[in-house]
Amino acid sequence: YISKICFMILIYATLNNQEEARKIGRRILEEKLANCVNFFPINCIYSYENEIKEEPEIVIIIKTKKEKFEQVEKLIKSEINYTNFIGQLEINKANAEFLKWLDGVV
């Protein structure tokens, strides 16, 4: 699995609440687009329409393969009706046991 390390990515996305994250996470796993999903609350401060705003958000982190990004993005967008962030984080190294699990699920 060492030679296959670059096939893994993390998808970092923001959502409005834990119910959305739970529903999206379960769908991603049911459709075998990832082997593991984490979500947790954060505070967000952002600039919008010349105003600084602050509000709670949920971050969802999806552990998957590079070629699954577009499918995951489409699934997330099908579940929400607002603009959010969906980004890909490259993984340069990961433990072999995790990569083997990922490869066996996705």
C-alpha atoms as a PDB file:
ATOM      1  CA  TYR A   1       0.000   0.000   0.000  1.00  0.00           C
ATOM      2  CA  ILE A   2       2.955   2.353   0.276  1.00  0.00           C
ATOM      3  CA  SER A   3       3.052   2.839  -3.507  1.00  0.00           C
ATOM      4  CA  LYS A   4      -0.688   3.606  -3.551  1.00  0.00           C
ATOM      5  CA  ILE A   5      -0.580   6.324  -0.878  1.00  0.00           C
ATOM      6  CA  CYS A   6      -1.510   9.165  -3.204  1.00  0.00           C
ATOM      7  CA  PHE A   7      -4.891   7.574  -4.073  1.00  0.00           C
ATOM      8  CA  MET A   8      -6.421   8.763  -0.779  1.00  0.00           C
ATOM      9  CA  ILE A   9      -7.961  12.172  -0.091  1.00  0.00           C
ATOM     10  CA  LEU A  10      -9.963  13.855   2.621  1.00  0.00           C
ATOM     11  CA  ILE A  11     -13.013  15.824   1.569  1.00  0.00           C
ATOM     12  CA  TYR A  12     -13.686  18.702   3.966  1.00  0.00           C
ATOM     13  CA  ALA A  13     -17.165  20.213   3.730  1.00  0.00           C
ATOM     14  CA  THR A  14     -19.272  22.559   5.823  1.00  0.00           C
ATOM     15  CA  LEU A  15     -22.936  22.008   6.653  1.00  0.00           C
ATOM     16  CA  ASN A  16     -25.616  23.744   8.705  1.00  0.00           C
ATOM     17  CA  ASN A  17     -26.420  21.042  11.271  1.00  0.00           C
ATOM     18  CA  GLN A  18     -25.657  17.574  12.597  1.00  0.00           C
ATOM     19  CA  GLU A  19     -28.756  15.986  11.054  1.00  0.00           C
ATOM     20  CA  GLU A  20     -27.544  16.977   7.580  1.00  0.00           C
ATOM     21  CA  ALA A  21     -24.085  15.606   8.384  1.00  0.00           C
ATOM     22  CA  ARG A  22     -25.513  12.339   9.717  1.00  0.00           C
ATOM     23  CA  LYS A  23     -27.778  11.859   6.681  1.00  0.00           C
ATOM     24  CA  ILE A  24     -25.053  12.745   4.177  1.00  0.00           C
ATOM     25  CA  GLY A  25     -22.468  10.612   6.003  1.00  0.00           C
ATOM     26  CA  ARG A  26     -24.750   7.570   6.010  1.00  0.00           C
ATOM     27  CA  ARG A  27     -25.558   7.984   2.296  1.00  0.00           C
ATOM     28  CA  ILE A  28     -21.848   8.271   1.455  1.00  0.00           C
ATOM     29  CA  LEU A  29     -21.136   5.029   3.334  1.00  0.00           C
ATOM     30  CA  GLU A  30     -24.183   3.215   1.925  1.00  0.00           C
ATOM     31  CA  GLU A  31     -23.082   4.128  -1.611  1.00  0.00           C
ATOM     32  CA  LYS A  32     -19.509   2.980  -0.816  1.00  0.00           C
ATOM     33  CA  LEU A  33     -18.016   6.376  -1.630  1.00  0.00           C
ATOM     34  CA  ALA A  34     -15.886   6.344   1.552  1.00  0.00           C
ATOM     35  CA  ASN A  35     -14.908   4.037   4.374  1.00  0.00           C
ATOM     36  CA  CYS A  36     -15.219   6.590   7.202  1.00  0.00           C
ATOM     37  CA  VAL A  37     -16.903   9.947   7.827  1.00  0.00           C
ATOM     38  CA  ASN A  38     -16.349  12.301  10.777  1.00  0.00           C
ATOM     39  CA  PHE A  39     -18.454  15.322  11.662  1.00  0.00           C
ATOM     40  CA  PHE A  40     -18.267  17.845  14.463  1.00  0.00           C
ATOM     41  CA  PRO A  41     -19.472  21.348  15.401  1.00  0.00           C
ATOM     42  CA  ILE A  42     -17.314  24.434  14.886  1.00  0.00           C
ATOM     43  CA  ASN A  43     -17.754  28.196  15.033  1.00  0.00           C
ATOM     44  CA  CYS A  44     -17.500  30.090  11.762  1.00  0.00           C
ATOM     45  CA  ILE A  45     -16.654  33.777  11.285  1.00  0.00           C
ATOM     46  CA  TYR A  46     -16.983  35.009   7.717  1.00  0.00           C
ATOM     47  CA  SER A  47     -17.444  38.101   5.586  1.00  0.00           C
ATOM     48  CA  TYR A  48     -20.678  38.246   3.595  1.00  0.00           C
ATOM     49  CA  GLU A  49     -22.271  41.261   1.892  1.00  0.00           C
ATOM     50  CA  ASN A  50     -19.830  43.659   3.628  1.00  0.00           C
ATOM     51  CA  GLU A  51     -20.686  42.282   7.079  1.00  0.00           C
ATOM     52  CA  ILE A  52     -18.701  40.104   9.455  1.00  0.00           C
ATOM     53  CA  LYS A  53     -20.936  37.285  10.646  1.00  0.00           C
ATOM     54  CA  GLU A  54     -20.466  34.520  13.188  1.00  0.00           C
ATOM     55  CA  GLU A  55     -22.491  31.342  13.525  1.00  0.00           C
ATOM     56  CA  PRO A  56     -22.173  27.629  14.293  1.00  0.00           C
ATOM     57  CA  GLU A  57     -21.443  25.150  11.512  1.00  0.00           C
ATOM     58  CA  ILE A  58     -20.799  21.448  11.166  1.00  0.00           C
ATOM     59  CA  VAL A  59     -17.634  20.176   9.478  1.00  0.00           C
ATOM     60  CA  ILE A  60     -17.796  16.813   7.764  1.00  0.00           C
ATOM     61  CA  ILE A  61     -14.568  15.020   6.836  1.00  0.00           C
ATOM     62  CA  ILE A  62     -14.875  12.194   4.348  1.00  0.00           C
ATOM     63  CA  LYS A  63     -12.035   9.678   3.933  1.00  0.00           C
ATOM     64  CA  THR A  64     -12.076   8.391   0.361  1.00  0.00           C
ATOM     65  CA  LYS A  65     -10.242   7.923  -2.939  1.00  0.00           C
ATOM     66  CA  LYS A  66      -9.331  10.746  -5.326  1.00  0.00           C
ATOM     67  CA  GLU A  67     -11.640   9.532  -8.076  1.00  0.00           C
ATOM     68  CA  LYS A  68     -14.695   9.772  -5.780  1.00  0.00           C
ATOM     69  CA  PHE A  69     -14.576  13.559  -5.228  1.00  0.00           C
ATOM     70  CA  GLU A  70     -17.135  14.496  -7.910  1.00  0.00           C
ATOM     71  CA  GLN A  71     -19.598  11.809  -6.775  1.00  0.00           C
ATOM     72  CA  VAL A  72     -19.326  12.932  -3.140  1.00  0.00           C
ATOM     73  CA  GLU A  73     -19.708  16.585  -4.148  1.00  0.00           C
ATOM     74  CA  LYS A  74     -22.840  15.767  -6.185  1.00  0.00           C
ATOM     75  CA  LEU A  75     -24.320  13.758  -3.298  1.00  0.00           C
ATOM     76  CA  ILE A  76     -23.733  16.605  -0.801  1.00  0.00           C
ATOM     77  CA  LYS A  77     -25.277  19.167  -3.168  1.00  0.00           C
ATOM     78  CA  SER A  78     -28.324  16.921  -3.658  1.00  0.00           C
ATOM     79  CA  GLU A  79     -29.000  17.043   0.100  1.00  0.00           C
ATOM     80  CA  ILE A  80     -28.692  20.803   0.738  1.00  0.00           C
ATOM     81  CA  ASN A  81     -30.047  23.981  -0.879  1.00  0.00           C
ATOM     82  CA  TYR A  82     -27.384  26.538   0.109  1.00  0.00           C
ATOM     83  CA  THR A  83     -23.817  27.392  -0.871  1.00  0.00           C
ATOM     84  CA  ASN A  84     -21.241  25.622   1.263  1.00  0.00           C
ATOM     85  CA  PHE A  85     -17.559  24.716   1.037  1.00  0.00           C
ATOM     86  CA  ILE A  86     -16.528  21.332  -0.364  1.00  0.00           C
ATOM     87  CA  GLY A  87     -12.773  20.907  -0.726  1.00  0.00           C
ATOM     88  CA  GLN A  88     -10.247  18.184  -1.397  1.00  0.00           C
ATOM     89  CA  LEU A  89      -7.223  17.738   0.878  1.00  0.00           C
ATOM     90  CA  GLU A  90      -4.380  15.633  -0.478  1.00  0.00           C
ATOM     91  CA  ILE A  91      -2.917  12.893   1.695  1.00  0.00           C
ATOM     92  CA  ASN A  92       0.795  12.259   1.141  1.00  0.00           C
ATOM     93  CA  LYS A  93       1.157   9.426   3.643  1.00  0.00           C
ATOM     94  CA  ALA A  94      -1.162   7.191   5.646  1.00  0.00           C
ATOM     95  CA  ASN A  95      -0.784   3.982   7.589  1.00  0.00           C
ATOM     96  CA  ALA A  96      -0.976   0.828   5.476  1.00  0.00           C
ATOM     97  CA  GLU A  97      -3.747  -0.748   7.557  1.00  0.00           C
ATOM     98  CA  PHE A  98      -6.061   2.211   6.959  1.00  0.00           C
ATOM     99  CA  LEU A  99      -5.319   2.282   3.229  1.00  0.00           C
ATOM    100  CA  LYS A 100      -6.039  -1.437   2.987  1.00  0.00           C
ATOM    101  CA  TRP A 101      -9.401  -0.880   4.724  1.00  0.00           C
ATOM    102  CA  LEU A 102     -10.205   2.041   2.395  1.00  0.00           C
ATOM    103  CA  ASP A 103      -9.283  -0.011  -0.663  1.00  0.00           C
ATOM    104  CA  GLY A 104     -11.462  -2.901   0.544  1.00  0.00           C
ATOM    105  CA  VAL A 105     -14.551  -0.700   1.044  1.00  0.00           C
ATOM    106  CA  VAL A 106     -14.433   1.886  -1.740  1.00  0.00           C
END
